[in-house]
N, C-alpha and C. Protein backbone atom coordinates (compact mmCIF):
# COMPACT_ATOMS: atom_id res chain seq x y z
N UNK A 1 -74.95 23.64 -66.67
CA UNK A 1 -75.19 22.39 -65.97
C UNK A 1 -74.09 22.25 -64.95
N UNK A 2 -74.45 21.93 -63.73
CA UNK A 2 -73.53 21.78 -62.61
C UNK A 2 -73.36 20.25 -62.33
N UNK A 3 -72.08 19.83 -62.35
CA UNK A 3 -71.77 18.43 -62.08
C UNK A 3 -71.35 18.28 -60.63
N UNK A 4 -71.91 17.34 -59.94
CA UNK A 4 -71.58 17.11 -58.53
C UNK A 4 -71.11 15.65 -58.39
N UNK A 5 -70.23 15.45 -57.45
CA UNK A 5 -69.74 14.12 -57.19
C UNK A 5 -70.49 13.52 -56.04
N UNK A 6 -70.92 12.28 -56.20
CA UNK A 6 -71.50 11.62 -55.04
C UNK A 6 -70.39 10.88 -54.32
N UNK A 7 -70.68 10.25 -53.20
CA UNK A 7 -69.67 9.63 -52.40
C UNK A 7 -68.94 8.49 -53.10
N UNK A 8 -69.61 7.77 -53.97
CA UNK A 8 -68.94 6.72 -54.73
C UNK A 8 -67.96 7.31 -55.70
N UNK A 9 -68.32 8.38 -56.36
CA UNK A 9 -67.41 9.02 -57.29
C UNK A 9 -66.20 9.62 -56.56
N UNK A 10 -66.46 10.17 -55.40
CA UNK A 10 -65.40 10.76 -54.59
C UNK A 10 -64.36 9.68 -54.20
N UNK A 11 -64.85 8.56 -53.74
CA UNK A 11 -63.95 7.48 -53.33
C UNK A 11 -63.14 6.97 -54.54
N UNK A 12 -63.80 6.83 -55.68
CA UNK A 12 -63.11 6.40 -56.91
C UNK A 12 -62.05 7.38 -57.32
N UNK A 13 -62.36 8.66 -57.25
CA UNK A 13 -61.39 9.72 -57.63
C UNK A 13 -60.18 9.73 -56.66
N UNK A 14 -60.51 9.53 -55.35
CA UNK A 14 -59.39 9.53 -54.35
C UNK A 14 -58.49 8.33 -54.57
N UNK A 15 -59.03 7.19 -54.98
CA UNK A 15 -58.14 6.03 -55.23
C UNK A 15 -57.28 6.28 -56.45
N UNK A 16 -57.81 6.98 -57.42
CA UNK A 16 -57.04 7.20 -58.65
C UNK A 16 -56.03 8.31 -58.44
N UNK A 17 -56.46 9.46 -57.90
CA UNK A 17 -55.62 10.65 -57.81
C UNK A 17 -55.06 10.92 -56.44
N UNK A 18 -55.57 10.28 -55.43
CA UNK A 18 -55.12 10.55 -54.04
C UNK A 18 -55.84 11.75 -53.41
N UNK A 19 -55.45 12.03 -52.21
CA UNK A 19 -56.05 13.15 -51.49
C UNK A 19 -55.54 14.48 -52.09
N UNK A 20 -56.32 15.51 -51.94
CA UNK A 20 -55.95 16.84 -52.41
C UNK A 20 -55.15 17.54 -51.30
N UNK A 21 -53.91 17.08 -51.12
CA UNK A 21 -53.07 17.61 -50.03
C UNK A 21 -51.65 17.82 -50.58
N UNK A 22 -51.02 18.82 -50.03
CA UNK A 22 -49.60 19.06 -50.35
C UNK A 22 -48.77 18.33 -49.37
N UNK A 23 -47.67 17.73 -49.85
CA UNK A 23 -46.78 17.06 -48.95
C UNK A 23 -45.95 18.03 -48.16
N UNK A 24 -45.76 17.76 -46.88
CA UNK A 24 -44.99 18.64 -46.02
C UNK A 24 -43.51 18.55 -46.32
N UNK A 25 -42.89 19.68 -46.55
CA UNK A 25 -41.47 19.72 -46.85
C UNK A 25 -40.67 19.76 -45.57
N UNK A 26 -39.51 19.12 -45.57
CA UNK A 26 -38.69 19.16 -44.39
C UNK A 26 -38.03 20.51 -44.30
N UNK A 27 -37.87 21.01 -43.07
CA UNK A 27 -37.23 22.31 -42.89
C UNK A 27 -35.71 22.22 -43.08
N UNK A 28 -35.06 23.33 -43.33
CA UNK A 28 -33.64 23.34 -43.52
C UNK A 28 -32.95 23.29 -42.14
N UNK A 29 -31.76 22.68 -42.13
CA UNK A 29 -30.99 22.64 -40.92
C UNK A 29 -30.40 24.02 -40.61
N UNK A 30 -30.20 24.28 -39.33
CA UNK A 30 -29.76 25.60 -38.89
C UNK A 30 -28.39 25.97 -39.49
N UNK A 31 -27.45 25.00 -39.54
CA UNK A 31 -26.13 25.32 -40.03
C UNK A 31 -26.17 25.57 -41.53
N UNK A 32 -27.10 24.98 -42.23
CA UNK A 32 -27.23 25.30 -43.67
C UNK A 32 -27.74 26.70 -43.89
N UNK A 33 -28.67 27.12 -43.00
CA UNK A 33 -29.20 28.52 -43.08
C UNK A 33 -28.04 29.52 -42.84
N UNK A 34 -27.20 29.18 -41.86
CA UNK A 34 -26.10 30.07 -41.53
C UNK A 34 -25.11 30.15 -42.70
N UNK A 35 -24.78 28.99 -43.30
CA UNK A 35 -23.86 28.98 -44.45
C UNK A 35 -24.43 29.72 -45.65
N UNK A 36 -25.74 29.68 -45.82
CA UNK A 36 -26.34 30.40 -46.96
C UNK A 36 -26.16 31.90 -46.85
N UNK A 37 -26.01 32.38 -45.63
CA UNK A 37 -25.78 33.83 -45.45
C UNK A 37 -24.48 34.29 -46.00
N UNK A 38 -23.48 33.38 -46.11
CA UNK A 38 -22.18 33.74 -46.61
C UNK A 38 -22.05 33.49 -48.12
N UNK A 39 -23.14 33.24 -48.80
CA UNK A 39 -23.12 32.92 -50.22
C UNK A 39 -23.07 34.19 -51.07
N UNK A 40 -23.23 35.36 -50.49
CA UNK A 40 -23.23 36.61 -51.22
C UNK A 40 -21.76 37.04 -51.48
N UNK A 41 -21.47 37.55 -52.62
CA UNK A 41 -20.12 37.99 -53.00
C UNK A 41 -19.61 39.11 -52.07
N UNK A 42 -20.48 40.06 -51.75
CA UNK A 42 -20.10 41.17 -50.91
C UNK A 42 -19.67 40.68 -49.52
N UNK A 43 -20.36 39.70 -48.99
CA UNK A 43 -20.01 39.13 -47.67
C UNK A 43 -18.64 38.45 -47.74
N UNK A 44 -18.41 37.75 -48.84
CA UNK A 44 -17.11 37.06 -49.02
C UNK A 44 -15.97 38.10 -49.09
N UNK A 45 -16.23 39.22 -49.79
CA UNK A 45 -15.19 40.27 -49.88
C UNK A 45 -14.92 40.87 -48.51
N UNK A 46 -15.95 41.10 -47.74
CA UNK A 46 -15.79 41.67 -46.39
C UNK A 46 -15.06 40.72 -45.45
N UNK A 47 -15.31 39.40 -45.60
CA UNK A 47 -14.60 38.42 -44.77
C UNK A 47 -13.11 38.39 -45.13
N UNK A 48 -12.76 38.52 -46.39
CA UNK A 48 -11.36 38.59 -46.78
C UNK A 48 -10.71 39.84 -46.21
N UNK A 49 -11.40 40.95 -46.25
CA UNK A 49 -10.87 42.20 -45.69
C UNK A 49 -10.66 42.09 -44.18
N UNK A 50 -11.56 41.45 -43.50
CA UNK A 50 -11.42 41.23 -42.08
C UNK A 50 -10.18 40.37 -41.80
N UNK A 51 -10.03 39.30 -42.56
CA UNK A 51 -8.90 38.40 -42.39
C UNK A 51 -7.56 39.14 -42.62
N UNK A 52 -7.50 39.92 -43.71
CA UNK A 52 -6.29 40.69 -44.00
C UNK A 52 -6.00 41.68 -42.89
N UNK A 53 -7.06 42.34 -42.39
CA UNK A 53 -6.89 43.32 -41.30
C UNK A 53 -6.38 42.66 -40.04
N UNK A 54 -6.85 41.46 -39.73
CA UNK A 54 -6.37 40.74 -38.56
C UNK A 54 -4.92 40.32 -38.71
N UNK A 55 -4.54 39.89 -39.90
CA UNK A 55 -3.16 39.49 -40.12
C UNK A 55 -2.24 40.72 -40.02
N UNK A 56 -2.65 41.85 -40.55
CA UNK A 56 -1.85 43.04 -40.44
C UNK A 56 -1.76 43.51 -39.01
N UNK A 57 -2.82 43.43 -38.25
CA UNK A 57 -2.76 43.82 -36.85
C UNK A 57 -1.85 42.87 -36.05
N UNK A 58 -1.88 41.58 -36.36
CA UNK A 58 -1.00 40.61 -35.67
C UNK A 58 0.49 40.93 -35.97
N UNK A 59 0.79 41.20 -37.24
CA UNK A 59 2.18 41.55 -37.59
C UNK A 59 2.60 42.82 -36.92
N UNK A 60 1.73 43.82 -36.91
CA UNK A 60 2.03 45.10 -36.28
C UNK A 60 2.29 44.91 -34.77
N UNK A 61 1.46 44.07 -34.10
CA UNK A 61 1.62 43.82 -32.70
C UNK A 61 2.95 43.11 -32.41
N UNK A 62 3.22 42.15 -33.25
CA UNK A 62 4.46 41.35 -33.06
C UNK A 62 5.70 42.24 -33.19
N UNK A 63 5.65 43.18 -34.11
CA UNK A 63 6.81 44.07 -34.33
C UNK A 63 6.91 45.13 -33.25
N UNK A 64 5.78 45.62 -32.75
CA UNK A 64 5.81 46.71 -31.75
C UNK A 64 5.81 46.23 -30.32
N UNK A 65 5.53 44.94 -30.09
CA UNK A 65 5.51 44.41 -28.76
C UNK A 65 4.21 44.64 -28.01
N UNK A 66 3.21 45.10 -28.70
CA UNK A 66 1.93 45.35 -28.06
C UNK A 66 1.14 44.04 -27.92
N UNK A 67 0.06 44.07 -27.12
CA UNK A 67 -0.79 42.92 -26.98
C UNK A 67 -1.73 42.89 -28.18
N UNK A 68 -1.90 41.72 -28.76
CA UNK A 68 -2.69 41.56 -29.97
C UNK A 68 -4.13 41.99 -29.75
N UNK A 69 -4.72 41.63 -28.65
CA UNK A 69 -6.11 41.95 -28.36
C UNK A 69 -6.33 43.46 -28.30
N UNK A 70 -5.37 44.18 -27.71
CA UNK A 70 -5.50 45.64 -27.64
C UNK A 70 -5.44 46.25 -29.04
N UNK A 71 -4.56 45.68 -29.90
CA UNK A 71 -4.43 46.21 -31.25
C UNK A 71 -5.69 45.97 -32.06
N UNK A 72 -6.35 44.85 -31.86
CA UNK A 72 -7.57 44.49 -32.61
C UNK A 72 -8.76 45.28 -32.07
N UNK A 73 -8.87 45.40 -30.77
CA UNK A 73 -10.02 46.07 -30.15
C UNK A 73 -9.98 47.58 -30.17
N UNK A 74 -8.81 48.12 -30.29
CA UNK A 74 -8.67 49.58 -30.23
C UNK A 74 -9.49 50.30 -31.32
N UNK A 75 -9.47 49.85 -32.57
CA UNK A 75 -10.29 50.56 -33.59
C UNK A 75 -11.78 50.50 -33.27
N UNK A 76 -12.23 49.51 -32.51
CA UNK A 76 -13.65 49.42 -32.22
C UNK A 76 -14.08 50.41 -31.15
N UNK A 77 -13.16 50.90 -30.37
CA UNK A 77 -13.51 51.81 -29.26
C UNK A 77 -13.62 53.21 -29.75
């Protein structure tokens, strides 16, 4: 047996249960998406290594009299 709803039943059901629709979710903010990228432990370890490397390059530059930017950029070339 197949049950069908007539328009009166449909209106009654909509008043009780509402429309059959999903609510639209708000999108995430761009800065939150960027911060989520740094949530991984490996990324945090790599950031610490970069910071330590920059501090060591700064100390080395200061002691040898070289320009800091040359000391930092040289390994990339």
